Each structure stands twice: as C-alpha cells, then as structure tokens.
Protein backbone atom coordinates (compact mmCIF):
# COMPACT_ATOMS: atom_id res chain seq x y z
CA MET A 1 68.45 -59.03 49.86
CA ASP A 2 66.95 -56.48 52.25
CA ILE A 3 63.96 -54.78 50.59
CA ILE A 4 61.81 -52.14 52.31
CA ILE A 5 58.46 -51.22 50.76
CA ASP A 6 56.76 -47.93 51.65
CA LEU A 7 54.21 -45.49 50.31
CA GLY A 8 55.85 -43.26 47.68
CA LYS A 9 56.42 -39.63 48.62
CA GLU A 10 56.81 -36.43 46.66
CA ASN A 11 60.59 -36.48 47.11
CA ASP A 12 60.66 -39.93 45.40
CA ILE A 13 59.33 -38.59 42.07
CA ASP A 14 62.71 -37.66 40.51
CA GLU A 15 64.15 -41.06 41.44
CA LEU A 16 61.05 -42.84 40.09
CA GLU A 17 61.34 -40.96 36.80
CA GLN A 18 64.98 -42.07 36.59
CA LEU A 19 63.94 -45.66 37.33
CA TYR A 20 61.34 -45.54 34.53
CA ASN A 21 63.94 -44.11 32.11
CA ASP A 22 66.61 -46.64 33.12
CA LEU A 23 64.15 -49.48 32.65
CA ASN A 24 62.94 -48.19 29.27
CA ASP A 25 66.56 -47.72 28.10
CA HIS A 26 67.26 -51.33 29.15
CA LEU A 27 64.13 -52.60 27.39
CA ALA A 28 65.13 -50.76 24.19
CA GLN A 29 68.45 -52.68 24.21
CA GLU A 30 67.12 -56.09 25.27
CA VAL A 31 63.89 -58.00 24.73
CA ASN A 32 61.11 -55.48 25.42
CA TYR A 33 58.66 -57.90 27.01
CA PRO A 34 56.09 -55.29 28.18
CA GLY A 35 56.36 -53.20 24.99
CA TRP A 36 57.00 -50.01 26.95
CA ARG A 37 58.62 -46.96 25.35
CA LYS A 38 60.60 -44.13 26.87
CA GLY A 39 58.53 -40.96 26.90
CA VAL A 40 55.29 -42.95 26.49
CA TYR A 41 54.99 -45.29 29.50
CA PRO A 42 55.86 -45.23 32.27
CA VAL A 43 56.66 -41.53 32.62
CA ARG A 44 57.11 -38.94 35.37
CA GLN A 45 53.37 -38.13 35.35
CA ASN A 46 52.60 -41.73 36.40
CA ALA A 47 54.77 -41.20 39.50
CA ILE A 48 53.27 -37.77 40.20
CA ASP A 49 49.72 -39.15 39.97
CA GLY A 50 50.53 -42.22 42.08
CA VAL A 51 52.07 -40.11 44.84
CA LYS A 52 49.21 -37.59 44.70
CA ASP A 53 46.63 -40.41 44.91
CA SER A 54 48.60 -42.12 47.72
CA ASN A 55 48.53 -45.44 45.87
CA LEU A 56 52.14 -45.71 44.64
CA TYR A 57 54.51 -47.91 46.65
CA VAL A 58 58.29 -48.00 46.33
CA SER A 59 60.68 -50.81 47.11
CA LYS A 60 64.06 -49.67 48.37
CA HIS A 61 67.37 -51.41 48.88
CA ASN A 62 70.11 -49.50 50.71
CA GLY A 63 67.98 -46.35 50.47
CA LYS A 64 67.64 -46.49 46.66
CA ILE A 65 64.36 -47.12 44.84
CA ILE A 66 64.67 -50.41 42.95
CA GLY A 67 61.01 -51.03 42.12
CA SER A 68 57.51 -49.66 42.36
CA VAL A 69 53.85 -50.53 41.97
CA ILE A 70 50.57 -48.60 41.86
CA LEU A 71 47.47 -50.16 43.44
CA SER A 72 44.40 -48.34 42.14
CA HIS A 73 40.63 -48.77 42.32
CA GLU A 74 40.31 -47.52 38.70
CA PRO A 75 40.13 -50.23 36.00
CA GLU A 76 40.91 -49.92 32.32
CA PRO A 77 37.64 -49.57 30.32
CA ALA A 78 38.19 -52.99 28.68
CA TYR A 79 38.02 -54.63 32.13
CA TYR A 80 34.24 -54.17 32.05
CA LYS A 81 34.00 -56.58 29.11
CA ALA A 82 35.58 -59.47 31.06
CA LYS A 83 33.81 -62.12 33.14
CA TRP A 84 35.72 -61.83 36.42
CA GLN A 85 35.56 -64.34 39.27
CA ILE A 86 33.54 -61.85 41.36
CA GLU A 87 31.29 -58.93 40.49
CA SER A 88 32.53 -55.59 41.81
CA ASP A 89 32.27 -51.84 41.35
CA TYR A 90 36.05 -51.68 42.05
CA SER A 91 35.67 -50.13 45.49
CA ASP A 92 36.78 -53.51 46.87
CA VAL A 93 39.26 -54.41 44.11
CA PHE A 94 42.82 -53.22 43.51
CA VAL A 95 44.16 -52.94 39.97
CA VAL A 96 47.94 -53.21 39.53
CA TYR A 97 49.56 -50.48 37.41
CA THR A 98 53.12 -49.38 36.64
CA PHE A 99 54.73 -52.48 38.13
CA VAL A 100 58.44 -51.80 37.61
CA VAL A 101 61.78 -53.23 38.71
CA HIS A 102 65.11 -51.50 38.04
CA PRO A 103 67.09 -53.40 35.36
CA LYS A 104 70.03 -53.95 37.74
CA PHE A 105 67.66 -55.83 40.06
CA LEU A 106 65.78 -58.01 37.57
CA ASN A 107 65.65 -61.69 38.65
CA CYS A 108 66.66 -60.79 42.21
CA GLY A 109 63.26 -61.26 43.88
CA VAL A 110 62.21 -57.60 43.78
CA GLY A 111 59.17 -58.27 41.60
CA LYS A 112 58.11 -61.17 43.83
CA ALA A 113 58.55 -58.96 46.93
CA LEU A 114 56.38 -56.24 45.35
CA MET A 115 53.69 -58.78 44.40
CA ASP A 116 53.77 -60.30 47.91
CA PHE A 117 53.45 -56.79 49.37
CA SER A 118 50.54 -56.02 47.00
CA ILE A 119 48.73 -59.16 48.15
CA GLU A 120 49.38 -58.50 51.86
CA HIS A 121 48.39 -54.82 51.54
CA SER A 122 45.21 -55.82 49.68
CA ILE A 123 44.25 -58.28 52.42
CA LYS A 124 44.85 -55.61 55.10
CA SER A 125 42.76 -53.16 53.03
CA GLN A 126 39.97 -55.77 52.94
CA VAL A 127 39.63 -55.81 49.17
CA LYS A 128 38.18 -58.96 47.60
CA SER A 129 40.56 -59.31 44.68
CA ILE A 130 43.53 -57.93 42.77
CA ARG A 131 43.31 -57.53 39.00
CA LEU A 132 45.89 -56.71 36.38
CA ASP A 133 46.61 -56.77 32.70
CA VAL A 134 49.81 -57.86 31.03
CA TYR A 135 50.87 -57.68 27.39
CA GLU A 136 50.52 -61.19 25.96
CA GLY A 137 54.22 -61.27 25.03
CA ASN A 138 55.45 -60.41 28.52
CA ILE A 139 56.29 -64.00 29.45
CA PRO A 140 58.45 -63.19 32.55
CA ALA A 141 55.62 -61.13 34.11
CA ILE A 142 53.00 -63.76 33.23
CA ARG A 143 55.13 -66.43 34.94
CA LEU A 144 55.46 -64.26 38.07
CA TYR A 145 51.74 -63.52 38.26
CA GLU A 146 50.81 -67.17 37.84
CA LYS A 147 53.42 -68.17 40.45
CA CYS A 148 51.77 -65.66 42.83
CA GLY A 149 48.37 -67.31 42.35
CA PHE A 150 46.78 -65.04 39.76
CA LYS A 151 44.28 -66.78 37.47
CA TYR A 152 43.91 -66.04 33.75
CA ILE A 153 40.51 -64.45 33.01
CA ASP A 154 40.43 -63.25 29.40
CA THR A 155 42.40 -61.59 26.59
CA VAL A 156 41.34 -58.06 25.62
CA ASP A 157 42.31 -55.11 23.45
CA LEU A 158 43.31 -52.11 25.57
CA GLY A 159 43.48 -49.82 22.54
CA LEU A 160 47.28 -49.79 22.31
CA GLY A 161 47.53 -51.29 18.82
CA ASN A 162 49.31 -48.13 17.58
CA TYR A 163 52.25 -49.28 19.73
CA GLY A 164 52.09 -52.86 18.43
CA LEU A 165 50.41 -53.98 21.66
CA ASN A 166 47.21 -55.60 20.45
CA TRP A 167 46.31 -58.15 23.11
CA PHE A 168 46.53 -58.08 26.88
CA ARG A 169 45.88 -60.96 29.22
CA LEU A 170 43.71 -60.17 32.25
CA TYR A 171 44.46 -61.86 35.57
CA GLU A 172 42.75 -61.90 38.95
CA LYS A 173 43.67 -63.15 42.40
CA LEU A 174 40.83 -63.64 44.87
CA LEU A 175 41.66 -62.78 48.48
C-alpha cells in the first residue's frame, strides 16, 4: 500500500477530527484497547494544537488521511518518576502522542509505517530517544512498539483512573 507521510496542515484539521471520531466509534463497538472515548480523547483540539505546534504528522493513502502521530518534546508529568535509559530535559527526546490509524486501515501496516517514520524523523532531528506511554490493556499497540524496538521502562499512573485507565506502560527507544 502506498502511504505518504507529511506534516499536518490547517486544512487537515476537519479530516483529522473525522478520523478521531471514526476511530472512537469503532472502538465503542469493538474491543477498546486504548480506552479512548469520543469527545474525550482524541478530539479536534488535539489536531489543532498539533498543527499549530508543527509536530503533527499525517499518513495519507490516495489523498485521504488514514493515520496520524504527534511527536512532542513535552512529557506527561508521571514520566519524571521513571528511570529512563538516558537522562534528558526532553529537548533531545520525542514523546509520541495521539498515535491513530483509521479503523478501515487497521492491520494494514499503517501503524508500522507511522512508527518507522517517527524513528527516521527522530534520527534526522538528532534526538537521543523516543518515549511513549500505552494503556496496559492495549495489547496490539504494545506488540507494535516492542516489534519496533521500544523497551519497557516502567508502569505508571497518568491520573486517568476516572476513565478506568489506571496503569500505563512506559516505553523508550534509544537512537
């Protein structure tokens, strides 16, 4: 499948919001591995912020957005409690956020392409590592991250217990 990955633009925001809604509708009907909820996460504001901060990337197939990822230098507060493989102030680390694949393209290599892009982009940007968190029940994502060379670091509480999301696994890939 031909996948093109580019920096997200303002005119992608409506389509990203639709992608988030389509994915959350799908998750509500199937096994909701990440524990996401429509209207809670991800939402239009995540796309707006990612485009504004120039750190949101879209994957397109035949001109349609089929996936997206945000690569930020801002960690979750709980990240500071973990013993990472390297010490950093996050200026030389990317944190993966809002990693999404349209439900019609699940298990088609889109997620792997986005992870490969994230790794290549991080190397070109001369960061030392990529970090991410994943809900402990999100087995498909955990498998993908481990397949891409991410190493388990710790399990932490990100403060999302109100949504039934108590524990998140932290992963890091050194570059």
